[in-house]
């Protein structure tokens, strides 16, 4: 969110009510900042795609590890040791499993960083007065100006909805002031 409206709340109940009200009005590009997870807000968030990214990369990592072992031991340089088969699946299990876990962990780490937009050295929210209290005792909701409903309702209408929900103050961030 680089441009939009931010509202500050002093308690989780008013924060949750405002978030629910905005979603009922059709807003989809909402962001929230709070000192701890608020159940009514967290349960309304879309499901993350990080587990699916981790599953896919874990399976790809395990398949690649198995393929490398098979290539090296059964195809490229086969050794006949005591009449055992060249492609010995039980011998490949530990490295295959560990490679899958490693690939999933790395993919999860980088997926979370990428989806969160990190590392981010600057964000317009840092200019909002009192935003440092978002990690102590204040709750903030941000509405992105790119939200289609934001343009329909105009900024004054959004401000009225937030103030009616119990916002202490509303402030415009980014863009033209």
Foldseek 3Di string as FASTA:
>chain_A
DFWFKKFKFQDLVLVLQLQVVVVVLPADAKDKFAQDDDVSNVVPDDDDCLVVQLQVQLVVQLVVQLVVQCCVQPNPDDDQDPNDHSNDVVVSVVRSNVRSNVRSVVRSVVVVCVVVVPPDPDGQCVVDPPSVCRNPGMMMMTGHCPTPVCVVCDRVNSQVSSVVSHTPDMDITHDDD
